[in-house]
N, C-alpha and C. Protein backbone atom coordinates (compact mmCIF):
# COMPACT_ATOMS: atom_id res chain seq x y z
N UNK A 1 -16.22 -8.49 -2.19
CA UNK A 1 -16.49 -9.71 -2.90
C UNK A 1 -16.13 -9.59 -4.36
N UNK A 2 -16.40 -8.47 -4.96
CA UNK A 2 -16.07 -8.32 -6.36
C UNK A 2 -14.54 -8.40 -6.57
N UNK A 3 -13.81 -7.80 -5.65
CA UNK A 3 -12.35 -7.77 -5.77
C UNK A 3 -11.78 -9.25 -5.65
N UNK A 4 -12.30 -10.00 -4.68
CA UNK A 4 -11.75 -11.29 -4.39
C UNK A 4 -12.13 -12.35 -5.51
N UNK A 5 -13.15 -12.05 -6.25
CA UNK A 5 -13.56 -12.95 -7.33
C UNK A 5 -12.75 -12.83 -8.62
N UNK A 6 -11.90 -11.79 -8.67
CA UNK A 6 -11.10 -11.58 -9.86
C UNK A 6 -10.01 -12.65 -9.99
N UNK A 7 -9.71 -12.98 -11.23
CA UNK A 7 -8.76 -14.08 -11.53
C UNK A 7 -7.37 -13.76 -10.93
N UNK A 8 -6.90 -12.52 -11.09
CA UNK A 8 -5.53 -12.21 -10.63
C UNK A 8 -5.49 -12.26 -9.11
N UNK A 9 -6.60 -11.94 -8.45
CA UNK A 9 -6.64 -11.97 -6.99
C UNK A 9 -6.53 -13.41 -6.49
N UNK A 10 -7.31 -14.27 -7.11
CA UNK A 10 -7.28 -15.69 -6.79
C UNK A 10 -5.87 -16.26 -6.90
N UNK A 11 -5.18 -15.90 -8.01
CA UNK A 11 -3.82 -16.39 -8.28
C UNK A 11 -2.91 -15.78 -7.20
N UNK A 12 -3.04 -14.55 -6.85
CA UNK A 12 -2.23 -13.91 -5.84
C UNK A 12 -2.38 -14.61 -4.49
N UNK A 13 -3.62 -14.84 -4.10
CA UNK A 13 -3.91 -15.49 -2.82
C UNK A 13 -3.39 -16.94 -2.78
N UNK A 14 -3.51 -17.58 -3.92
CA UNK A 14 -3.03 -18.96 -4.05
C UNK A 14 -1.51 -19.01 -3.88
N UNK A 15 -0.81 -18.03 -4.51
CA UNK A 15 0.66 -17.94 -4.31
C UNK A 15 1.02 -17.69 -2.86
N UNK A 16 0.21 -16.89 -2.16
CA UNK A 16 0.55 -16.64 -0.72
C UNK A 16 0.32 -17.92 0.11
N UNK A 17 -0.53 -18.79 -0.31
CA UNK A 17 -0.77 -20.01 0.50
C UNK A 17 0.31 -21.03 0.35
N UNK A 18 1.18 -20.94 -0.64
CA UNK A 18 2.22 -21.89 -0.85
C UNK A 18 3.36 -21.59 0.08
N UNK A 19 3.88 -22.58 0.82
CA UNK A 19 4.96 -22.38 1.72
C UNK A 19 6.27 -22.05 0.86
N UNK A 20 7.18 -21.35 1.48
CA UNK A 20 8.40 -21.05 0.77
C UNK A 20 9.13 -22.30 0.29
N UNK A 21 9.79 -22.18 -0.85
CA UNK A 21 10.53 -23.30 -1.45
C UNK A 21 11.90 -23.34 -0.82
N UNK A 22 12.32 -24.47 -0.36
CA UNK A 22 13.63 -24.66 0.18
C UNK A 22 14.51 -25.29 -0.91
N UNK A 23 15.58 -24.63 -1.16
CA UNK A 23 16.57 -25.12 -2.19
C UNK A 23 17.91 -25.16 -1.54
N UNK A 24 18.92 -25.75 -2.23
CA UNK A 24 20.29 -25.79 -1.71
C UNK A 24 20.85 -24.42 -1.40
N UNK A 25 20.31 -23.39 -2.15
CA UNK A 25 20.83 -22.03 -1.96
C UNK A 25 20.08 -21.29 -0.81
N UNK A 26 19.08 -21.95 -0.23
CA UNK A 26 18.34 -21.30 0.88
C UNK A 26 16.83 -21.38 0.53
N UNK A 27 16.09 -20.60 1.25
CA UNK A 27 14.63 -20.59 1.07
C UNK A 27 14.22 -19.32 0.41
N UNK A 28 13.09 -19.44 -0.31
CA UNK A 28 12.48 -18.26 -0.95
C UNK A 28 11.66 -17.65 0.11
N UNK A 29 11.91 -16.39 0.43
CA UNK A 29 11.22 -15.72 1.47
C UNK A 29 9.84 -15.26 1.03
N UNK A 30 9.00 -14.99 1.97
CA UNK A 30 7.69 -14.43 1.76
C UNK A 30 7.79 -13.15 0.93
N UNK A 31 8.76 -12.31 1.32
CA UNK A 31 8.91 -11.04 0.57
C UNK A 31 9.25 -11.27 -0.94
N UNK A 32 10.12 -12.30 -1.20
CA UNK A 32 10.48 -12.65 -2.59
C UNK A 32 9.23 -13.18 -3.33
N UNK A 33 8.46 -13.98 -2.64
CA UNK A 33 7.28 -14.49 -3.29
C UNK A 33 6.30 -13.40 -3.60
N UNK A 34 6.10 -12.47 -2.66
CA UNK A 34 5.23 -11.30 -2.86
C UNK A 34 5.74 -10.46 -3.98
N UNK A 35 7.07 -10.24 -4.02
CA UNK A 35 7.60 -9.44 -5.11
C UNK A 35 7.38 -10.02 -6.46
N UNK A 36 7.48 -11.34 -6.58
CA UNK A 36 7.19 -12.02 -7.88
C UNK A 36 5.72 -11.90 -8.17
N UNK A 37 4.88 -12.04 -7.18
CA UNK A 37 3.45 -11.96 -7.44
C UNK A 37 2.98 -10.57 -7.79
N UNK A 38 3.76 -9.59 -7.39
CA UNK A 38 3.37 -8.21 -7.61
C UNK A 38 3.91 -7.60 -8.87
N UNK A 39 4.26 -8.40 -9.82
CA UNK A 39 4.87 -7.86 -11.07
C UNK A 39 3.96 -7.06 -11.94
N UNK A 40 2.66 -7.43 -11.90
CA UNK A 40 1.74 -6.63 -12.73
C UNK A 40 1.04 -5.59 -11.85
N UNK A 41 0.45 -4.61 -12.53
CA UNK A 41 -0.30 -3.56 -11.74
C UNK A 41 -1.45 -4.18 -10.94
N UNK A 42 -2.07 -5.08 -11.58
CA UNK A 42 -3.23 -5.76 -10.84
C UNK A 42 -2.81 -6.46 -9.65
N UNK A 43 -1.69 -7.20 -9.68
CA UNK A 43 -1.18 -7.89 -8.52
C UNK A 43 -0.65 -6.94 -7.47
N UNK A 44 -0.11 -5.82 -7.92
CA UNK A 44 0.34 -4.79 -6.95
C UNK A 44 -0.85 -4.28 -6.17
N UNK A 45 -1.95 -4.05 -6.86
CA UNK A 45 -3.13 -3.62 -6.22
C UNK A 45 -3.62 -4.66 -5.19
N UNK A 46 -3.48 -5.89 -5.52
CA UNK A 46 -3.86 -6.99 -4.60
C UNK A 46 -3.00 -6.95 -3.34
N UNK A 47 -1.68 -6.68 -3.60
CA UNK A 47 -0.77 -6.62 -2.50
C UNK A 47 -1.14 -5.50 -1.56
N UNK A 48 -1.46 -4.31 -2.10
CA UNK A 48 -1.86 -3.20 -1.25
C UNK A 48 -3.11 -3.54 -0.52
N UNK A 49 -4.09 -4.14 -1.14
CA UNK A 49 -5.33 -4.45 -0.46
C UNK A 49 -5.11 -5.48 0.65
N UNK A 50 -4.22 -6.46 0.45
CA UNK A 50 -3.93 -7.44 1.50
C UNK A 50 -3.20 -6.77 2.65
N UNK A 51 -2.30 -5.80 2.36
CA UNK A 51 -1.65 -5.07 3.43
C UNK A 51 -2.69 -4.27 4.23
N UNK A 52 -3.62 -3.69 3.55
CA UNK A 52 -4.68 -2.83 4.17
C UNK A 52 -5.57 -3.67 5.13
N UNK A 53 -5.68 -4.94 4.81
CA UNK A 53 -6.53 -5.81 5.62
C UNK A 53 -5.83 -6.27 6.91
N UNK A 54 -4.54 -6.07 7.03
CA UNK A 54 -3.78 -6.51 8.18
C UNK A 54 -3.75 -5.45 9.21
N UNK A 55 -3.34 -5.79 10.39
CA UNK A 55 -3.26 -4.78 11.43
C UNK A 55 -1.88 -4.08 11.44
N UNK A 56 -1.88 -2.91 12.03
CA UNK A 56 -0.63 -2.18 12.24
C UNK A 56 0.17 -2.95 13.32
N UNK A 57 1.47 -2.61 13.46
CA UNK A 57 2.31 -3.25 14.43
C UNK A 57 1.69 -3.19 15.85
N UNK A 58 2.12 -4.18 16.71
CA UNK A 58 1.49 -4.39 18.00
C UNK A 58 1.47 -3.11 18.89
N UNK A 59 2.48 -2.26 18.84
CA UNK A 59 2.48 -1.03 19.68
C UNK A 59 1.30 -0.19 19.35
N UNK A 60 1.00 -0.06 18.02
CA UNK A 60 -0.15 0.75 17.62
C UNK A 60 -1.45 0.04 18.02
N UNK A 61 -1.49 -1.29 17.95
CA UNK A 61 -2.68 -2.01 18.37
C UNK A 61 -2.90 -1.85 19.85
N UNK A 62 -1.83 -1.81 20.63
CA UNK A 62 -2.05 -1.61 22.05
C UNK A 62 -2.60 -0.22 22.31
N UNK A 63 -2.17 0.80 21.55
CA UNK A 63 -2.76 2.16 21.71
C UNK A 63 -4.23 2.12 21.34
N UNK A 64 -4.55 1.42 20.25
CA UNK A 64 -5.93 1.30 19.75
C UNK A 64 -6.83 0.69 20.83
N UNK A 65 -6.30 -0.44 21.44
CA UNK A 65 -7.07 -1.11 22.46
C UNK A 65 -7.34 -0.21 23.70
N UNK A 66 -6.29 0.55 24.09
CA UNK A 66 -6.45 1.49 25.21
C UNK A 66 -7.44 2.57 24.81
N UNK A 67 -7.32 3.12 23.61
CA UNK A 67 -8.24 4.15 23.20
C UNK A 67 -9.71 3.64 23.19
N UNK A 68 -9.92 2.43 22.69
CA UNK A 68 -11.32 1.88 22.62
C UNK A 68 -11.88 1.75 23.99
N UNK A 69 -10.98 1.38 24.98
CA UNK A 69 -11.46 1.25 26.39
C UNK A 69 -11.92 2.56 26.97
N UNK A 70 -11.54 3.70 26.36
CA UNK A 70 -11.97 5.02 26.91
C UNK A 70 -13.34 5.41 26.35
N UNK A 71 -13.88 4.69 25.42
CA UNK A 71 -15.25 5.04 24.88
C UNK A 71 -16.28 4.52 25.86
N UNK A 72 -17.24 5.41 26.19
CA UNK A 72 -18.17 5.06 27.25
C UNK A 72 -19.34 4.12 26.84
N UNK A 73 -19.65 4.04 25.55
CA UNK A 73 -20.80 3.16 25.17
C UNK A 73 -20.35 2.13 24.10
N UNK A 74 -20.97 1.01 24.11
CA UNK A 74 -20.65 -0.02 23.14
C UNK A 74 -20.90 0.43 21.71
N UNK A 75 -22.03 1.17 21.48
CA UNK A 75 -22.36 1.60 20.17
C UNK A 75 -21.26 2.57 19.64
N UNK A 76 -20.86 3.53 20.48
CA UNK A 76 -19.88 4.48 20.03
C UNK A 76 -18.45 3.80 19.93
N UNK A 77 -18.23 2.79 20.76
CA UNK A 77 -16.97 2.04 20.64
C UNK A 77 -16.85 1.37 19.29
N UNK A 78 -17.99 0.81 18.82
CA UNK A 78 -17.99 0.19 17.51
C UNK A 78 -17.74 1.27 16.37
N UNK A 79 -18.30 2.41 16.54
CA UNK A 79 -18.05 3.49 15.56
C UNK A 79 -16.58 3.85 15.53
N UNK A 80 -15.94 4.05 16.71
CA UNK A 80 -14.52 4.38 16.80
C UNK A 80 -13.66 3.27 16.16
N UNK A 81 -14.02 2.03 16.52
CA UNK A 81 -13.26 0.88 15.97
C UNK A 81 -13.30 0.91 14.39
N UNK A 82 -14.49 1.13 13.84
CA UNK A 82 -14.56 1.13 12.34
C UNK A 82 -13.87 2.35 11.80
N UNK A 83 -13.91 3.50 12.45
CA UNK A 83 -13.15 4.69 12.04
C UNK A 83 -11.70 4.45 11.98
N UNK A 84 -11.12 3.85 13.08
CA UNK A 84 -9.73 3.57 13.10
C UNK A 84 -9.34 2.59 11.97
N UNK A 85 -10.10 1.51 11.84
CA UNK A 85 -9.76 0.49 10.87
C UNK A 85 -9.89 0.94 9.45
N UNK A 86 -11.04 1.54 9.09
CA UNK A 86 -11.35 1.77 7.68
C UNK A 86 -10.99 3.17 7.21
N UNK A 87 -10.75 4.06 8.10
CA UNK A 87 -10.35 5.41 7.70
C UNK A 87 -8.85 5.62 7.92
N UNK A 88 -8.45 5.45 9.14
CA UNK A 88 -7.06 5.79 9.48
C UNK A 88 -6.06 4.66 9.24
N UNK A 89 -6.36 3.51 9.78
CA UNK A 89 -5.43 2.35 9.57
C UNK A 89 -5.22 1.94 8.16
N UNK A 90 -6.35 1.92 7.45
CA UNK A 90 -6.33 1.60 6.03
C UNK A 90 -5.40 2.48 5.24
N UNK A 91 -5.47 3.78 5.48
CA UNK A 91 -4.64 4.73 4.77
C UNK A 91 -3.16 4.55 5.18
N UNK A 92 -2.93 4.38 6.46
CA UNK A 92 -1.53 4.17 6.89
C UNK A 92 -0.97 2.89 6.35
N UNK A 93 -1.73 1.81 6.23
CA UNK A 93 -1.23 0.60 5.70
C UNK A 93 -0.90 0.73 4.20
N UNK A 94 -1.46 1.62 3.51
CA UNK A 94 -1.18 1.85 2.10
C UNK A 94 0.07 2.61 1.88
N UNK A 95 0.63 3.24 2.93
CA UNK A 95 1.82 4.01 2.81
C UNK A 95 3.04 3.05 2.88
N UNK A 96 4.11 3.36 2.12
CA UNK A 96 5.35 2.62 2.20
C UNK A 96 5.91 2.72 3.61
N UNK A 97 6.02 3.94 4.12
CA UNK A 97 6.40 4.13 5.50
C UNK A 97 5.44 5.20 6.07
N UNK A 98 5.09 5.04 7.28
CA UNK A 98 4.19 5.96 7.95
C UNK A 98 4.95 6.98 8.72
N UNK A 99 4.89 8.28 8.25
CA UNK A 99 5.58 9.31 9.06
C UNK A 99 5.06 9.38 10.47
N UNK A 100 5.91 9.70 11.35
CA UNK A 100 5.51 9.74 12.78
C UNK A 100 4.38 10.80 13.00
N UNK A 101 4.48 11.89 12.24
CA UNK A 101 3.44 12.95 12.36
C UNK A 101 2.07 12.45 11.93
N UNK A 102 2.07 11.59 10.90
CA UNK A 102 0.77 11.04 10.42
C UNK A 102 0.15 10.19 11.54
N UNK A 103 0.99 9.36 12.21
CA UNK A 103 0.50 8.54 13.25
C UNK A 103 -0.01 9.35 14.42
N UNK A 104 0.76 10.40 14.82
CA UNK A 104 0.36 11.29 15.94
C UNK A 104 -1.00 12.05 15.55
N UNK A 105 -1.09 12.48 14.35
CA UNK A 105 -2.31 13.15 13.91
C UNK A 105 -3.53 12.23 13.99
N UNK A 106 -3.27 10.94 13.62
CA UNK A 106 -4.36 9.98 13.67
C UNK A 106 -4.77 9.75 15.15
N UNK A 107 -3.78 9.60 16.04
CA UNK A 107 -4.10 9.44 17.41
C UNK A 107 -4.86 10.59 17.97
N UNK A 108 -4.47 11.81 17.61
CA UNK A 108 -5.18 12.98 18.10
C UNK A 108 -6.63 13.02 17.58
N UNK A 109 -6.75 12.65 16.30
CA UNK A 109 -8.14 12.62 15.73
C UNK A 109 -9.03 11.62 16.50
N UNK A 110 -8.47 10.48 16.76
CA UNK A 110 -9.22 9.44 17.51
C UNK A 110 -9.54 9.90 18.91
N UNK A 111 -8.60 10.55 19.56
CA UNK A 111 -8.82 11.09 20.93
C UNK A 111 -9.97 12.10 20.92
N UNK A 112 -9.93 12.98 19.98
CA UNK A 112 -10.97 14.03 19.84
C UNK A 112 -12.34 13.36 19.55
N UNK A 113 -12.34 12.37 18.63
CA UNK A 113 -13.58 11.69 18.28
C UNK A 113 -14.15 10.97 19.56
N UNK A 114 -13.24 10.34 20.33
CA UNK A 114 -13.72 9.65 21.56
C UNK A 114 -14.29 10.64 22.55
N UNK A 115 -13.62 11.81 22.77
CA UNK A 115 -14.12 12.77 23.64
C UNK A 115 -15.55 13.28 23.18
N UNK A 116 -15.66 13.47 21.90
CA UNK A 116 -16.94 13.97 21.36
C UNK A 116 -18.03 12.91 21.52
N UNK A 117 -17.72 11.67 21.22
CA UNK A 117 -18.72 10.62 21.39
C UNK A 117 -19.12 10.39 22.84
N UNK A 118 -18.12 10.50 23.75
CA UNK A 118 -18.43 10.38 25.17
C UNK A 118 -19.32 11.54 25.64
N UNK A 119 -19.09 12.76 25.10
CA UNK A 119 -19.91 13.93 25.40
C UNK A 119 -21.33 13.68 24.96
N UNK A 120 -21.51 13.14 23.74
CA UNK A 120 -22.80 12.83 23.23
C UNK A 120 -23.49 11.85 24.17
N UNK A 121 -22.78 10.83 24.59
CA UNK A 121 -23.29 9.80 25.49
C UNK A 121 -23.73 10.44 26.86
N UNK A 122 -22.87 11.32 27.33
CA UNK A 122 -23.20 12.01 28.63
C UNK A 122 -24.46 12.82 28.52
N UNK A 123 -24.77 13.30 27.28
CA UNK A 123 -25.97 14.15 27.07
C UNK A 123 -27.12 13.35 26.53
N UNK A 124 -26.98 11.99 26.55
CA UNK A 124 -28.04 11.09 26.07
C UNK A 124 -28.30 11.22 24.58
N UNK A 125 -27.25 11.49 23.83
CA UNK A 125 -27.39 11.64 22.36
C UNK A 125 -26.64 10.58 21.60
N UNK A 126 -27.12 10.22 20.44
CA UNK A 126 -26.36 9.34 19.51
C UNK A 126 -25.92 10.16 18.36
N UNK A 127 -25.12 9.61 17.50
CA UNK A 127 -24.67 10.26 16.28
C UNK A 127 -25.84 10.57 15.37
N UNK A 128 -26.81 9.74 15.37
CA UNK A 128 -28.00 9.94 14.51
C UNK A 128 -28.82 11.16 14.92
N UNK A 129 -28.76 11.46 16.22
CA UNK A 129 -29.52 12.58 16.76
C UNK A 129 -28.77 13.87 16.78
N UNK A 130 -27.50 13.83 16.33
CA UNK A 130 -26.62 15.00 16.39
C UNK A 130 -27.15 16.13 15.51
N UNK A 131 -27.20 17.32 16.08
CA UNK A 131 -27.60 18.52 15.33
C UNK A 131 -26.46 19.53 15.46
N UNK A 132 -26.48 20.55 14.58
CA UNK A 132 -25.41 21.55 14.59
C UNK A 132 -25.33 22.23 15.91
N UNK A 133 -26.42 22.49 16.58
CA UNK A 133 -26.33 23.13 17.92
C UNK A 133 -25.59 22.28 18.95
N UNK A 134 -25.69 20.93 18.84
CA UNK A 134 -24.92 20.08 19.75
C UNK A 134 -23.44 20.23 19.48
N UNK A 135 -23.09 20.19 18.23
CA UNK A 135 -21.69 20.28 17.86
C UNK A 135 -21.12 21.64 18.24
N UNK A 136 -21.88 22.74 18.03
CA UNK A 136 -21.48 24.06 18.45
C UNK A 136 -21.24 24.16 19.97
N UNK A 137 -22.16 23.58 20.70
CA UNK A 137 -22.01 23.62 22.19
C UNK A 137 -20.78 22.83 22.63
N UNK A 138 -20.50 21.68 22.01
CA UNK A 138 -19.31 20.94 22.39
C UNK A 138 -18.02 21.70 21.98
N UNK A 139 -17.99 22.30 20.84
CA UNK A 139 -16.82 23.05 20.40
C UNK A 139 -16.56 24.28 21.25
N UNK A 140 -17.65 24.95 21.67
CA UNK A 140 -17.52 26.21 22.42
C UNK A 140 -17.05 25.97 23.87
N UNK A 141 -17.26 24.79 24.36
CA UNK A 141 -17.05 24.49 25.80
C UNK A 141 -15.72 23.75 26.06
N UNK A 142 -14.75 23.87 25.20
CA UNK A 142 -13.50 23.12 25.44
C UNK A 142 -12.34 23.72 24.69
N UNK A 143 -11.17 23.02 24.68
CA UNK A 143 -9.96 23.48 24.09
C UNK A 143 -10.08 23.57 22.59
N UNK A 144 -9.12 24.32 21.98
CA UNK A 144 -9.12 24.50 20.54
C UNK A 144 -8.87 23.21 19.78
N UNK A 145 -8.32 22.17 20.38
CA UNK A 145 -8.05 20.94 19.73
C UNK A 145 -9.38 20.22 19.37
N UNK A 146 -10.45 20.63 19.96
CA UNK A 146 -11.77 20.00 19.62
C UNK A 146 -12.09 20.24 18.16
N UNK A 147 -11.49 21.24 17.53
CA UNK A 147 -11.86 21.53 16.16
C UNK A 147 -11.42 20.37 15.21
N UNK A 148 -10.59 19.45 15.73
CA UNK A 148 -10.15 18.35 14.92
C UNK A 148 -11.25 17.30 14.75
N UNK A 149 -12.36 17.55 15.37
CA UNK A 149 -13.58 16.65 15.16
C UNK A 149 -13.96 16.74 13.71
N UNK A 150 -13.49 17.80 13.01
CA UNK A 150 -13.86 17.96 11.60
C UNK A 150 -13.20 16.91 10.71
N UNK A 151 -12.30 16.09 11.26
CA UNK A 151 -11.78 14.94 10.49
C UNK A 151 -12.71 13.77 10.68
N UNK A 152 -13.40 13.70 11.78
CA UNK A 152 -14.24 12.54 12.10
C UNK A 152 -15.67 12.69 11.59
N UNK A 153 -16.24 13.89 11.77
CA UNK A 153 -17.65 14.09 11.40
C UNK A 153 -17.94 13.77 9.93
N UNK A 154 -17.16 14.24 8.96
CA UNK A 154 -17.48 13.90 7.54
C UNK A 154 -17.48 12.36 7.27
N UNK A 155 -16.56 11.67 7.94
CA UNK A 155 -16.47 10.21 7.80
C UNK A 155 -17.77 9.60 8.37
N UNK A 156 -18.17 10.08 9.53
CA UNK A 156 -19.36 9.52 10.20
C UNK A 156 -20.60 9.77 9.38
N UNK A 157 -20.72 10.95 8.71
CA UNK A 157 -21.84 11.27 7.86
C UNK A 157 -21.79 10.33 6.65
N UNK A 158 -20.67 10.22 6.05
CA UNK A 158 -20.58 9.37 4.85
C UNK A 158 -20.90 7.96 5.15
N UNK A 159 -20.46 7.44 6.27
CA UNK A 159 -20.72 6.01 6.62
C UNK A 159 -22.04 5.81 7.34
N UNK A 160 -22.74 6.84 7.62
CA UNK A 160 -24.05 6.79 8.29
C UNK A 160 -23.97 6.06 9.62
């Protein structure tokens, strides 16, 4: 709310709402309008934030939907959805181009997080009830890729 109340943000959003101008030489594209609006550092920041609020391309959204369908409880599904959107997707949207390795690492992190949350659910546990001994038991009883849960756990703690 603080961000959206700033004068430069209101001007940026107002510029986005104006349809492209059609002239004898052609139309002003959305990209040209955005480039003009992003001339100052403050507007550039607004552009980045608007990009972060949008979704990744549909192929990635299809993967996200399929991943969320693998989560066994609604509570944990909501946690994974927030993790994807506010931790992984937000960071990727801020990149000029997303390296394929970054996307694959994000997918692997989500897969491990889902497996972990499903394990918690199978054992009648929630994230709030998680103790070190639970995490140790889960790590000891599976493949080495489970160690990638260390990308998810700090985020879950920070976001409570």
